[in-house]
Amino acid sequence: MSETLLKLVGAKIRSARKAKGLSQEQLGEQAGFHLTYIGGVERGTRNISLANLERIAVALEMKAHELLQYHQEFGDLRNRNDALKEVIDLLANREDSEVRMATRILNEIFLEYSQKQK
C-alpha cells in the first residue's frame, strides 16, 4: 500500500472510531490489538493486512470495504493539515460576510453529517 493510501484508510478508521465514541484502547480491546497498533494504523505508519482490517471493521460494526471508501469523505486531500490549509486559502482573501456565510454552511454540513451518523 502506498503511504497516502495508508494515511487515508487510517483517517477513515480514526473517524469511525471517534464517531462510535471509542478510545484507541477500547477499539484495540474489541478488535484484539494493542492500542499502539491501532494508533499506528490510524497514523498510517502500520501496513495493515486485510485480515486485520476486517477485525477492526467488525469492532466498529462496519464492513471492511466501508473503511476503504475514504475517497467519499476525504477526496484528494492527503491529510488533515492539507484540508485545513485548503480551507484557509479559500477564505483568506474573502470579505467578512463571505467568511461568515462559509462558516454557516460548514456548520450545516457538519450538523447534517452528525445526524446521519446516528
PDB file of N, CA and C in Angstrom:
ATOM      1  N   MET A   1       0.847  -1.195   0.000  1.00  0.00           N
ATOM      2  CA  MET A   1       0.000   0.000   0.000  1.00  0.00           C
ATOM      3  C   MET A   1       0.875   1.235   0.000  1.00  0.00           C
ATOM      4  N   SER A   2       0.419   2.245  -0.702  1.00  0.00           N
ATOM      5  CA  SER A   2       1.173   3.491  -0.695  1.00  0.00           C
ATOM      6  C   SER A   2       0.975   4.209   0.634  1.00  0.00           C
ATOM      7  N   GLU A   3       1.906   5.097   0.925  1.00  0.00           N
ATOM      8  CA  GLU A   3       1.830   5.859   2.180  1.00  0.00           C
ATOM      9  C   GLU A   3       0.541   6.671   2.240  1.00  0.00           C
ATOM     10  N   THR A   4       0.143   7.263   1.116  1.00  0.00           N
ATOM     11  CA  THR A   4      -1.078   8.063   1.080  1.00  0.00           C
ATOM     12  C   THR A   4      -2.294   7.200   1.364  1.00  0.00           C
ATOM     13  N   LEU A   5      -2.337   6.018   0.768  1.00  0.00           N
ATOM     14  CA  LEU A   5      -3.461   5.115   1.000  1.00  0.00           C
ATOM     15  C   LEU A   5      -3.538   4.706   2.464  1.00  0.00           C
ATOM     16  N   LEU A   6      -2.402   4.392   3.060  1.00  0.00           N
ATOM     17  CA  LEU A   6      -2.383   4.027   4.481  1.00  0.00           C
ATOM     18  C   LEU A   6      -2.909   5.160   5.344  1.00  0.00           C
ATOM     19  N   LYS A   7      -2.528   6.389   5.030  1.00  0.00           N
ATOM     20  CA  LYS A   7      -2.992   7.546   5.811  1.00  0.00           C
ATOM     21  C   LYS A   7      -4.491   7.768   5.633  1.00  0.00           C
ATOM     22  N   LEU A   8      -4.991   7.594   4.420  1.00  0.00           N
ATOM     23  CA  LEU A   8      -6.422   7.789   4.166  1.00  0.00           C
ATOM     24  C   LEU A   8      -7.260   6.728   4.876  1.00  0.00           C
ATOM     25  N   VAL A   9      -6.824   5.481   4.804  1.00  0.00           N
ATOM     26  CA  VAL A   9      -7.540   4.407   5.492  1.00  0.00           C
ATOM     27  C   VAL A   9      -7.453   4.620   7.004  1.00  0.00           C
ATOM     28  N   GLY A  10      -6.283   5.005   7.479  1.00  0.00           N
ATOM     29  CA  GLY A  10      -6.127   5.286   8.907  1.00  0.00           C
ATOM     30  C   GLY A  10      -7.032   6.410   9.375  1.00  0.00           C
ATOM     31  N   ALA A  11      -7.139   7.450   8.553  1.00  0.00           N
ATOM     32  CA  ALA A  11      -8.022   8.570   8.897  1.00  0.00           C
ATOM     33  C   ALA A  11      -9.477   8.123   8.920  1.00  0.00           C
ATOM     34  N   LYS A  12      -9.840   7.235   8.020  1.00  0.00           N
ATOM     35  CA  LYS A  12     -11.217   6.710   7.986  1.00  0.00           C
ATOM     36  C   LYS A  12     -11.487   5.890   9.251  1.00  0.00           C
ATOM     37  N   ILE A  13     -10.515   5.075   9.665  1.00  0.00           N
ATOM     38  CA  ILE A  13     -10.672   4.281  10.885  1.00  0.00           C
ATOM     39  C   ILE A  13     -10.789   5.202  12.098  1.00  0.00           C
ATOM     40  N   ARG A  14      -9.934   6.229  12.167  1.00  0.00           N
ATOM     41  CA  ARG A  14      -9.998   7.181  13.279  1.00  0.00           C
ATOM     42  C   ARG A  14     -11.363   7.863  13.329  1.00  0.00           C
ATOM     43  N   SER A  15     -11.846   8.291  12.173  1.00  0.00           N
ATOM     44  CA  SER A  15     -13.137   8.961  12.098  1.00  0.00           C
ATOM     45  C   SER A  15     -14.260   8.039  12.573  1.00  0.00           C
ATOM     46  N   ALA A  16     -14.240   6.792  12.133  1.00  0.00           N
ATOM     47  CA  ALA A  16     -15.269   5.832  12.536  1.00  0.00           C
ATOM     48  C   ALA A  16     -15.175   5.530  14.027  1.00  0.00           C
ATOM     49  N   ARG A  17     -13.946   5.397  14.541  1.00  0.00           N
ATOM     50  CA  ARG A  17     -13.756   5.136  15.971  1.00  0.00           C
ATOM     51  C   ARG A  17     -14.313   6.276  16.805  1.00  0.00           C
ATOM     52  N   LYS A  18     -13.974   7.501  16.421  1.00  0.00           N
ATOM     53  CA  LYS A  18     -14.454   8.658  17.178  1.00  0.00           C
ATOM     54  C   LYS A  18     -15.971   8.790  17.094  1.00  0.00           C
ATOM     55  N   ALA A  19     -16.538   8.484  15.922  1.00  0.00           N
ATOM     56  CA  ALA A  19     -17.990   8.553  15.763  1.00  0.00           C
ATOM     57  C   ALA A  19     -18.687   7.561  16.690  1.00  0.00           C
ATOM     58  N   LYS A  20     -18.024   6.456  16.995  1.00  0.00           N
ATOM     59  CA  LYS A  20     -18.566   5.453  17.920  1.00  0.00           C
ATOM     60  C   LYS A  20     -18.257   5.798  19.373  1.00  0.00           C
ATOM     61  N   GLY A  21     -17.467   6.848  19.598  1.00  0.00           N
ATOM     62  CA  GLY A  21     -17.121   7.248  20.958  1.00  0.00           C
ATOM     63  C   GLY A  21     -16.130   6.318  21.631  1.00  0.00           C
ATOM     64  N   LEU A  22     -15.296   5.654  20.825  1.00  0.00           N
ATOM     65  CA  LEU A  22     -14.317   4.710  21.371  1.00  0.00           C
ATOM     66  C   LEU A  22     -12.935   5.342  21.454  1.00  0.00           C
ATOM     67  N   SER A  23     -12.191   4.968  22.468  1.00  0.00           N
ATOM     68  CA  SER A  23     -10.777   5.337  22.541  1.00  0.00           C
ATOM     69  C   SER A  23      -9.996   4.331  21.705  1.00  0.00           C
ATOM     70  N   GLN A  24      -8.730   4.628  21.430  1.00  0.00           N
ATOM     71  CA  GLN A  24      -7.895   3.667  20.730  1.00  0.00           C
ATOM     72  C   GLN A  24      -7.774   2.378  21.540  1.00  0.00           C
ATOM     73  N   GLU A  25      -7.680   2.524  22.842  1.00  0.00           N
ATOM     74  CA  GLU A  25      -7.571   1.359  23.710  1.00  0.00           C
ATOM     75  C   GLU A  25      -8.820   0.495  23.627  1.00  0.00           C
ATOM     76  N   GLN A  26      -9.996   1.123  23.651  1.00  0.00           N
ATOM     77  CA  GLN A  26     -11.242   0.370  23.573  1.00  0.00           C
ATOM     78  C   GLN A  26     -11.372  -0.354  22.228  1.00  0.00           C
ATOM     79  N   LEU A  27     -11.042   0.347  21.142  1.00  0.00           N
ATOM     80  CA  LEU A  27     -11.097  -0.292  19.834  1.00  0.00           C
ATOM     81  C   LEU A  27     -10.118  -1.458  19.775  1.00  0.00           C
ATOM     82  N   GLY A  28      -8.922  -1.238  20.292  1.00  0.00           N
ATOM     83  CA  GLY A  28      -7.928  -2.297  20.317  1.00  0.00           C
ATOM     84  C   GLY A  28      -8.420  -3.521  21.078  1.00  0.00           C
ATOM     85  N   GLU A  29      -9.030  -3.300  22.234  1.00  0.00           N
ATOM     86  CA  GLU A  29      -9.558  -4.417  23.025  1.00  0.00           C
ATOM     87  C   GLU A  29     -10.623  -5.178  22.251  1.00  0.00           C
ATOM     88  N   GLN A  30     -11.531  -4.444  21.606  1.00  0.00           N
ATOM     89  CA  GLN A  30     -12.619  -5.093  20.876  1.00  0.00           C
ATOM     90  C   GLN A  30     -12.121  -5.849  19.646  1.00  0.00           C
ATOM     91  N   ALA A  31     -11.064  -5.339  19.015  1.00  0.00           N
ATOM     92  CA  ALA A  31     -10.534  -5.973  17.805  1.00  0.00           C
ATOM     93  C   ALA A  31      -9.418  -6.971  18.109  1.00  0.00           C
ATOM     94  N   GLY A  32      -8.927  -6.970  19.347  1.00  0.00           N
ATOM     95  CA  GLY A  32      -7.862  -7.885  19.730  1.00  0.00           C
ATOM     96  C   GLY A  32      -6.466  -7.371  19.430  1.00  0.00           C
ATOM     97  N   PHE A  33      -6.286  -6.043  19.492  1.00  0.00           N
ATOM     98  CA  PHE A  33      -4.989  -5.428  19.242  1.00  0.00           C
ATOM     99  C   PHE A  33      -4.600  -4.528  20.407  1.00  0.00           C
ATOM    100  N   HIS A  34      -3.308  -4.259  20.518  1.00  0.00           N
ATOM    101  CA  HIS A  34      -2.820  -3.299  21.496  1.00  0.00           C
ATOM    102  C   HIS A  34      -3.116  -1.892  20.969  1.00  0.00           C
ATOM    103  N   LEU A  35      -3.315  -0.958  21.862  1.00  0.00           N
ATOM    104  CA  LEU A  35      -3.638   0.411  21.445  1.00  0.00           C
ATOM    105  C   LEU A  35      -2.538   1.036  20.586  1.00  0.00           C
ATOM    106  N   THR A  36      -1.287   0.633  20.779  1.00  0.00           N
ATOM    107  CA  THR A  36      -0.219   1.204  19.947  1.00  0.00           C
ATOM    108  C   THR A  36      -0.350   0.752  18.491  1.00  0.00           C
ATOM    109  N   TYR A  37      -0.886  -0.453  18.278  1.00  0.00           N
ATOM    110  CA  TYR A  37      -1.130  -0.920  16.908  1.00  0.00           C
ATOM    111  C   TYR A  37      -2.217  -0.062  16.266  1.00  0.00           C
ATOM    112  N   ILE A  38      -3.307   0.164  17.007  1.00  0.00           N
ATOM    113  CA  ILE A  38      -4.406   0.995  16.490  1.00  0.00           C
ATOM    114  C   ILE A  38      -3.888   2.395  16.178  1.00  0.00           C
ATOM    115  N   GLY A  39      -3.072   2.963  17.054  1.00  0.00           N
ATOM    116  CA  GLY A  39      -2.505   4.292  16.810  1.00  0.00           C
ATOM    117  C   GLY A  39      -1.674   4.325  15.545  1.00  0.00           C
ATOM    118  N   GLY A  40      -0.855   3.300  15.333  1.00  0.00           N
ATOM    119  CA  GLY A  40      -0.038   3.225  14.126  1.00  0.00           C
ATOM    120  C   GLY A  40      -0.875   3.101  12.870  1.00  0.00           C
ATOM    121  N   VAL A  41      -1.957   2.320  12.947  1.00  0.00           N
ATOM    122  CA  VAL A  41      -2.863   2.179  11.810  1.00  0.00           C
ATOM    123  C   VAL A  41      -3.518   3.525  11.497  1.00  0.00           C
ATOM    124  N   GLU A  42      -3.995   4.208  12.536  1.00  0.00           N
ATOM    125  CA  GLU A  42      -4.673   5.490  12.337  1.00  0.00           C
ATOM    126  C   GLU A  42      -3.729   6.559  11.781  1.00  0.00           C
ATOM    127  N   ARG A  43      -2.466   6.518  12.155  1.00  0.00           N
ATOM    128  CA  ARG A  43      -1.485   7.478  11.633  1.00  0.00           C
ATOM    129  C   ARG A  43      -0.985   7.103  10.239  1.00  0.00           C
ATOM    130  N   GLY A  44      -1.285   5.881   9.819  1.00  0.00           N
ATOM    131  CA  GLY A  44      -0.824   5.419   8.521  1.00  0.00           C
ATOM    132  C   GLY A  44       0.613   4.961   8.524  1.00  0.00           C
ATOM    133  N   THR A  45       1.142   4.626   9.702  1.00  0.00           N
ATOM    134  CA  THR A  45       2.530   4.159   9.793  1.00  0.00           C
ATOM    135  C   THR A  45       2.620   2.643   9.868  1.00  0.00           C
ATOM    136  N   ARG A  46       1.485   1.959  10.009  1.00  0.00           N
ATOM    137  CA  ARG A  46       1.443   0.494  10.025  1.00  0.00           C
ATOM    138  C   ARG A  46       0.787   0.023   8.741  1.00  0.00           C
ATOM    139  N   ASN A  47       1.390  -0.936   8.089  1.00  0.00           N
ATOM    140  CA  ASN A  47       0.821  -1.517   6.877  1.00  0.00           C
ATOM    141  C   ASN A  47      -0.153  -2.613   7.305  1.00  0.00           C
ATOM    142  N   ILE A  48      -1.411  -2.277   7.356  1.00  0.00           N
ATOM    143  CA  ILE A  48      -2.441  -3.171   7.882  1.00  0.00           C
ATOM    144  C   ILE A  48      -2.782  -4.256   6.864  1.00  0.00           C
ATOM    145  N   SER A  49      -2.944  -5.477   7.343  1.00  0.00           N
ATOM    146  CA  SER A  49      -3.355  -6.575   6.457  1.00  0.00           C
ATOM    147  C   SER A  49      -4.873  -6.542   6.294  1.00  0.00           C
ATOM    148  N   LEU A  50      -5.350  -7.219   5.274  1.00  0.00           N
ATOM    149  CA  LEU A  50      -6.799  -7.283   5.064  1.00  0.00           C
ATOM    150  C   LEU A  50      -7.487  -8.016   6.219  1.00  0.00           C
ATOM    151  N   ALA A  51      -6.829  -9.032   6.758  1.00  0.00           N
ATOM    152  CA  ALA A  51      -7.405  -9.757   7.895  1.00  0.00           C
ATOM    153  C   ALA A  51      -7.558  -8.829   9.099  1.00  0.00           C
ATOM    154  N   ASN A  52      -6.559  -7.988   9.358  1.00  0.00           N
ATOM    155  CA  ASN A  52      -6.643  -7.058  10.490  1.00  0.00           C
ATOM    156  C   ASN A  52      -7.640  -5.943  10.212  1.00  0.00           C
ATOM    157  N   LEU A  53      -7.744  -5.521   8.961  1.00  0.00           N
ATOM    158  CA  LEU A  53      -8.747  -4.519   8.590  1.00  0.00           C
ATOM    159  C   LEU A  53     -10.142  -5.062   8.893  1.00  0.00           C
ATOM    160  N   GLU A  54     -10.356  -6.327   8.587  1.00  0.00           N
ATOM    161  CA  GLU A  54     -11.648  -6.966   8.857  1.00  0.00           C
ATOM    162  C   GLU A  54     -11.927  -7.007  10.363  1.00  0.00           C
ATOM    163  N   ARG A  55     -10.945  -7.316  11.169  1.00  0.00           N
ATOM    164  CA  ARG A  55     -11.136  -7.359  12.622  1.00  0.00           C
ATOM    165  C   ARG A  55     -11.505  -5.980  13.165  1.00  0.00           C
ATOM    166  N   ILE A  56     -10.847  -4.950  12.653  1.00  0.00           N
ATOM    167  CA  ILE A  56     -11.160  -3.579  13.082  1.00  0.00           C
ATOM    168  C   ILE A  56     -12.566  -3.200  12.621  1.00  0.00           C
ATOM    169  N   ALA A  57     -12.909  -3.563  11.405  1.00  0.00           N
ATOM    170  CA  ALA A  57     -14.245  -3.259  10.882  1.00  0.00           C
ATOM    171  C   ALA A  57     -15.326  -3.903  11.742  1.00  0.00           C
ATOM    172  N   VAL A  58     -15.137  -5.151  12.115  1.00  0.00           N
ATOM    173  CA  VAL A  58     -16.113  -5.846  12.963  1.00  0.00           C
ATOM    174  C   VAL A  58     -16.248  -5.123  14.300  1.00  0.00           C
ATOM    175  N   ALA A  59     -15.130  -4.718  14.878  1.00  0.00           N
ATOM    176  CA  ALA A  59     -15.164  -3.991  16.154  1.00  0.00           C
ATOM    177  C   ALA A  59     -15.893  -2.660  16.019  1.00  0.00           C
ATOM    178  N   LEU A  60     -15.825  -2.051  14.826  1.00  0.00           N
ATOM    179  CA  LEU A  60     -16.507  -0.778  14.583  1.00  0.00           C
ATOM    180  C   LEU A  60     -17.939  -0.975  14.065  1.00  0.00           C
ATOM    181  N   GLU A  61     -18.354  -2.243  13.981  1.00  0.00           N
ATOM    182  CA  GLU A  61     -19.678  -2.596  13.463  1.00  0.00           C
ATOM    183  C   GLU A  61     -19.858  -2.074  12.041  1.00  0.00           C
ATOM    184  N   MET A  62     -18.829  -2.317  11.237  1.00  0.00           N
ATOM    185  CA  MET A  62     -18.827  -1.894   9.836  1.00  0.00           C
ATOM    186  C   MET A  62     -18.393  -3.071   8.973  1.00  0.00           C
ATOM    187  N   LYS A  63     -18.499  -2.896   7.684  1.00  0.00           N
ATOM    188  CA  LYS A  63     -17.946  -3.850   6.736  1.00  0.00           C
ATOM    189  C   LYS A  63     -16.572  -3.330   6.328  1.00  0.00           C
ATOM    190  N   ALA A  64     -15.628  -4.228   6.083  1.00  0.00           N
ATOM    191  CA  ALA A  64     -14.253  -3.831   5.768  1.00  0.00           C
ATOM    192  C   ALA A  64     -14.196  -2.894   4.569  1.00  0.00           C
ATOM    193  N   HIS A  65     -15.027  -3.142   3.562  1.00  0.00           N
ATOM    194  CA  HIS A  65     -14.973  -2.284   2.369  1.00  0.00           C
ATOM    195  C   HIS A  65     -15.356  -0.842   2.677  1.00  0.00           C
ATOM    196  N   GLU A  66     -16.142  -0.625   3.726  1.00  0.00           N
ATOM    197  CA  GLU A  66     -16.510   0.742   4.096  1.00  0.00           C
ATOM    198  C   GLU A  66     -15.284   1.532   4.569  1.00  0.00           C
ATOM    199  N   LEU A  67     -14.322   0.837   5.171  1.00  0.00           N
ATOM    200  CA  LEU A  67     -13.106   1.515   5.627  1.00  0.00           C
ATOM    201  C   LEU A  67     -12.195   1.878   4.464  1.00  0.00           C
ATOM    202  N   LEU A  68     -12.455   1.305   3.302  1.00  0.00           N
ATOM    203  CA  LEU A  68     -11.672   1.632   2.109  1.00  0.00           C
ATOM    204  C   LEU A  68     -12.355   2.685   1.249  1.00  0.00           C
ATOM    205  N   GLN A  69     -13.506   3.138   1.665  1.00  0.00           N
ATOM    206  CA  GLN A  69     -14.242   4.143   0.902  1.00  0.00           C
ATOM    207  C   GLN A  69     -13.907   5.546   1.390  1.00  0.00           C
ATOM    208  N   TYR A  70     -12.657   5.765   1.656  1.00  0.00           N
ATOM    209  CA  TYR A  70     -12.175   7.041   2.163  1.00  0.00           C
ATOM    210  C   TYR A  70     -12.380   8.168   1.169  1.00  0.00           C
ATOM    211  N   HIS A  71     -12.348   7.877  -0.112  1.00  0.00           N
ATOM    212  CA  HIS A  71     -12.446   8.922  -1.131  1.00  0.00           C
ATOM    213  C   HIS A  71     -13.735   9.721  -1.020  1.00  0.00           C
ATOM    214  N   GLN A  72     -14.792   9.116  -0.521  1.00  0.00           N
ATOM    215  CA  GLN A  72     -16.051   9.834  -0.392  1.00  0.00           C
ATOM    216  C   GLN A  72     -15.984  10.915   0.678  1.00  0.00           C
ATOM    217  N   GLU A  73     -15.190  10.688   1.704  1.00  0.00           N
ATOM    218  CA  GLU A  73     -15.086  11.677   2.777  1.00  0.00           C
ATOM    219  C   GLU A  73     -13.868  12.565   2.628  1.00  0.00           C
ATOM    220  N   PHE A  74     -12.757  12.003   2.146  1.00  0.00           N
ATOM    221  CA  PHE A  74     -11.503  12.719   2.192  1.00  0.00           C
ATOM    222  C   PHE A  74     -11.033  13.225   0.837  1.00  0.00           C
ATOM    223  N   GLY A  75     -11.693  12.825  -0.260  1.00  0.00           N
ATOM    224  CA  GLY A  75     -11.343  13.301  -1.581  1.00  0.00           C
ATOM    225  C   GLY A  75      -9.873  13.122  -1.887  1.00  0.00           C
ATOM    226  N   ASP A  76      -9.298  14.097  -2.546  1.00  0.00           N
ATOM    227  CA  ASP A  76      -7.897  14.012  -2.936  1.00  0.00           C
ATOM    228  C   ASP A  76      -6.968  14.611  -1.888  1.00  0.00           C
ATOM    229  N   LEU A  77      -7.508  15.032  -0.764  1.00  0.00           N
ATOM    230  CA  LEU A  77      -6.683  15.641   0.269  1.00  0.00           C
ATOM    231  C   LEU A  77      -5.840  14.579   0.937  1.00  0.00           C
ATOM    232  N   ARG A  78      -4.559  14.852   1.079  1.00  0.00           N
ATOM    233  CA  ARG A  78      -3.649  13.841   1.605  1.00  0.00           C
ATOM    234  C   ARG A  78      -3.750  13.674   3.106  1.00  0.00           C
ATOM    235  N   ASN A  79      -4.042  14.739   3.819  1.00  0.00           N
ATOM    236  CA  ASN A  79      -4.170  14.612   5.269  1.00  0.00           C
ATOM    237  C   ASN A  79      -4.929  15.805   5.825  1.00  0.00           C
ATOM    238  N   ARG A  80      -5.154  15.796   7.084  1.00  0.00           N
ATOM    239  CA  ARG A  80      -5.937  16.852   7.738  1.00  0.00           C
ATOM    240  C   ARG A  80      -5.319  18.235   7.552  1.00  0.00           C
ATOM    241  N   ASN A  81      -3.995  18.338   7.672  1.00  0.00           N
ATOM    242  CA  ASN A  81      -3.344  19.641   7.521  1.00  0.00           C
ATOM    243  C   ASN A  81      -3.534  20.204   6.117  1.00  0.00           C
ATOM    244  N   ASP A  82      -3.498  19.329   5.100  1.00  0.00           N
ATOM    245  CA  ASP A  82      -3.757  19.783   3.737  1.00  0.00           C
ATOM    246  C   ASP A  82      -5.183  20.317   3.611  1.00  0.00           C
ATOM    247  N   ALA A  83      -6.124  19.627   4.232  1.00  0.00           N
ATOM    248  CA  ALA A  83      -7.521  20.050   4.176  1.00  0.00           C
ATOM    249  C   ALA A  83      -7.704  21.408   4.847  1.00  0.00           C
ATOM    250  N   LEU A  84      -7.108  21.572   6.027  1.00  0.00           N
ATOM    251  CA  LEU A  84      -7.229  22.843   6.740  1.00  0.00           C
ATOM    252  C   LEU A  84      -6.569  23.980   5.968  1.00  0.00           C
ATOM    253  N   LYS A  85      -5.411  23.697   5.387  1.00  0.00           N
ATOM    254  CA  LYS A  85      -4.722  24.721   4.599  1.00  0.00           C
ATOM    255  C   LYS A  85      -5.565  25.128   3.394  1.00  0.00           C
ATOM    256  N   GLU A  86      -6.195  24.152   2.754  1.00  0.00           N
ATOM    257  CA  GLU A  86      -7.028  24.472   1.590  1.00  0.00           C
ATOM    258  C   GLU A  86      -8.205  25.361   1.985  1.00  0.00           C
ATOM    259  N   VAL A  87      -8.846  25.058   3.122  1.00  0.00           N
ATOM    260  CA  VAL A  87      -9.965  25.884   3.585  1.00  0.00           C
ATOM    261  C   VAL A  87      -9.487  27.299   3.910  1.00  0.00           C
ATOM    262  N   ILE A  88      -8.371  27.405   4.606  1.00  0.00           N
ATOM    263  CA  ILE A  88      -7.828  28.729   4.951  1.00  0.00           C
ATOM    264  C   ILE A  88      -7.486  29.515   3.682  1.00  0.00           C
ATOM    265  N   ASP A  89      -6.853  28.849   2.717  1.00  0.00           N
ATOM    266  CA  ASP A  89      -6.506  29.521   1.458  1.00  0.00           C
ATOM    267  C   ASP A  89      -7.746  30.007   0.724  1.00  0.00           C
ATOM    268  N   LEU A  90      -8.819  29.214   0.764  1.00  0.00           N
ATOM    269  CA  LEU A  90     -10.053  29.610   0.097  1.00  0.00           C
ATOM    270  C   LEU A  90     -10.680  30.850   0.737  1.00  0.00           C
ATOM    271  N   LEU A  91     -10.528  30.966   2.038  1.00  0.00           N
ATOM    272  CA  LEU A  91     -11.187  32.060   2.763  1.00  0.00           C
ATOM    273  C   LEU A  91     -10.298  33.281   2.990  1.00  0.00           C
ATOM    274  N   ALA A  92      -9.016  33.155   2.770  1.00  0.00           N
ATOM    275  CA  ALA A  92      -8.051  34.193   3.145  1.00  0.00           C
ATOM    276  C   ALA A  92      -8.362  35.566   2.561  1.00  0.00           C
ATOM    277  N   ASN A  93      -8.751  35.647   1.333  1.00  0.00           N
ATOM    278  CA  ASN A  93      -8.962  36.954   0.684  1.00  0.00           C
ATOM    279  C   ASN A  93     -10.436  37.267   0.465  1.00  0.00           C
ATOM    280  N   ARG A  94     -11.284  36.655   1.242  1.00  0.00           N
ATOM    281  CA  ARG A  94     -12.724  36.882   1.114  1.00  0.00           C
ATOM    282  C   ARG A  94     -13.188  37.960   2.082  1.00  0.00           C
ATOM    283  N   GLU A  95     -14.327  38.543   1.754  1.00  0.00           N
ATOM    284  CA  GLU A  95     -14.951  39.534   2.632  1.00  0.00           C
ATOM    285  C   GLU A  95     -15.441  38.852   3.898  1.00  0.00           C
ATOM    286  N   ASP A  96     -15.582  39.620   4.978  1.00  0.00           N
ATOM    287  CA  ASP A  96     -16.069  39.066   6.244  1.00  0.00           C
ATOM    288  C   ASP A  96     -17.418  38.377   6.070  1.00  0.00           C
ATOM    289  N   SER A  97     -18.292  38.971   5.271  1.00  0.00           N
ATOM    290  CA  SER A  97     -19.617  38.377   5.067  1.00  0.00           C
ATOM    291  C   SER A  97     -19.506  37.008   4.386  1.00  0.00           C
ATOM    292  N   GLU A  98     -18.557  36.849   3.484  1.00  0.00           N
ATOM    293  CA  GLU A  98     -18.357  35.567   2.812  1.00  0.00           C
ATOM    294  C   GLU A  98     -17.796  34.523   3.772  1.00  0.00           C
ATOM    295  N   VAL A  99     -16.899  34.951   4.663  1.00  0.00           N
ATOM    296  CA  VAL A  99     -16.339  34.031   5.655  1.00  0.00           C
ATOM    297  C   VAL A  99     -17.449  33.571   6.598  1.00  0.00           C
ATOM    298  N   ARG A 100     -18.308  34.489   7.030  1.00  0.00           N
ATOM    299  CA  ARG A 100     -19.425  34.113   7.903  1.00  0.00           C
ATOM    300  C   ARG A 100     -20.371  33.153   7.185  1.00  0.00           C
ATOM    301  N   MET A 101     -20.645  33.407   5.911  1.00  0.00           N
ATOM    302  CA  MET A 101     -21.509  32.532   5.129  1.00  0.00           C
ATOM    303  C   MET A 101     -20.889  31.133   5.031  1.00  0.00           C
ATOM    304  N   ALA A 102     -19.603  31.061   4.742  1.00  0.00           N
ATOM    305  CA  ALA A 102     -18.924  29.769   4.636  1.00  0.00           C
ATOM    306  C   ALA A 102     -18.968  29.028   5.967  1.00  0.00           C
ATOM    307  N   THR A 103     -18.811  29.745   7.058  1.00  0.00           N
ATOM    308  CA  THR A 103     -18.874  29.141   8.386  1.00  0.00           C
ATOM    309  C   THR A 103     -20.259  28.558   8.638  1.00  0.00           C
ATOM    310  N   ARG A 104     -21.297  29.310   8.291  1.00  0.00           N
ATOM    311  CA  ARG A 104     -22.667  28.805   8.469  1.00  0.00           C
ATOM    312  C   ARG A 104     -22.893  27.545   7.626  1.00  0.00           C
ATOM    313  N   ILE A 105     -22.412  27.563   6.392  1.00  0.00           N
ATOM    314  CA  ILE A 105     -22.579  26.402   5.511  1.00  0.00           C
ATOM    315  C   ILE A 105     -21.860  25.185   6.077  1.00  0.00           C
ATOM    316  N   LEU A 106     -20.624  25.370   6.530  1.00  0.00           N
ATOM    317  CA  LEU A 106     -19.879  24.252   7.124  1.00  0.00           C
ATOM    318  C   LEU A 106     -20.587  23.711   8.357  1.00  0.00           C
ATOM    319  N   ASN A 107     -21.104  24.596   9.190  1.00  0.00           N
ATOM    320  CA  ASN A 107     -21.841  24.150  10.379  1.00  0.00           C
ATOM    321  C   ASN A 107     -23.058  23.319   9.992  1.00  0.00           C
ATOM    322  N   GLU A 108     -23.780  23.735   8.946  1.00  0.00           N
ATOM    323  CA  GLU A 108     -24.940  22.982   8.486  1.00  0.00           C
ATOM    324  C   GLU A 108     -24.526  21.616   7.948  1.00  0.00           C
ATOM    325  N   ILE A 109     -23.422  21.577   7.212  1.00  0.00           N
ATOM    326  CA  ILE A 109     -22.931  20.308   6.680  1.00  0.00           C
ATOM    327  C   ILE A 109     -22.565  19.363   7.822  1.00  0.00           C
ATOM    328  N   PHE A 110     -21.830  19.871   8.813  1.00  0.00           N
ATOM    329  CA  PHE A 110     -21.419  19.029   9.937  1.00  0.00           C
ATOM    330  C   PHE A 110     -22.622  18.550  10.739  1.00  0.00           C
ATOM    331  N   LEU A 111     -23.610  19.398  10.913  1.00  0.00           N
ATOM    332  CA  LEU A 111     -24.819  19.008  11.630  1.00  0.00           C
ATOM    333  C   LEU A 111     -25.519  17.886  10.886  1.00  0.00           C
ATOM    334  N   GLU A 112     -25.681  18.045   9.579  1.00  0.00           N
ATOM    335  CA  GLU A 112     -26.324  17.010   8.761  1.00  0.00           C
ATOM    336  C   GLU A 112     -25.541  15.703   8.805  1.00  0.00           C
ATOM    337  N   TYR A 113     -24.210  15.811   8.706  1.00  0.00           N
ATOM    338  CA  TYR A 113     -23.359  14.622   8.744  1.00  0.00           C
ATOM    339  C   TYR A 113     -23.485  13.902  10.079  1.00  0.00           C
ATOM    340  N   SER A 114     -23.463  14.650  11.186  1.00  0.00           N
ATOM    341  CA  SER A 114     -23.547  14.011  12.508  1.00  0.00           C
ATOM    342  C   SER A 114     -24.904  13.348  12.708  1.00  0.00           C
ATOM    343  N   GLN A 115     -25.951  13.914  12.145  1.00  0.00           N
ATOM    344  CA  GLN A 115     -27.274  13.303  12.272  1.00  0.00           C
ATOM    345  C   GLN A 115     -27.357  12.004  11.469  1.00  0.00           C
ATOM    346  N   LYS A 116     -26.664  11.942  10.329  1.00  0.00           N
ATOM    347  CA  LYS A 116     -26.656  10.722   9.522  1.00  0.00           C
ATOM    348  C   LYS A 116     -25.846   9.618  10.183  1.00  0.00           C
ATOM    349  N   GLN A 117     -24.881   9.986  11.029  1.00  0.00           N
ATOM    350  CA  GLN A 117     -24.028   9.008  11.708  1.00  0.00           C
ATOM    351  C   GLN A 117     -24.758   8.320  12.851  1.00  0.00           C
ATOM    352  N   LYS A 118     -25.877   8.865  13.283  1.00  0.00           N
ATOM    353  CA  LYS A 118     -26.614   8.293  14.432  1.00  0.00           C
ATOM    354  C   LYS A 118     -27.463   7.130  14.020  1.00  0.00           C
TER     355      LYS A 118
END
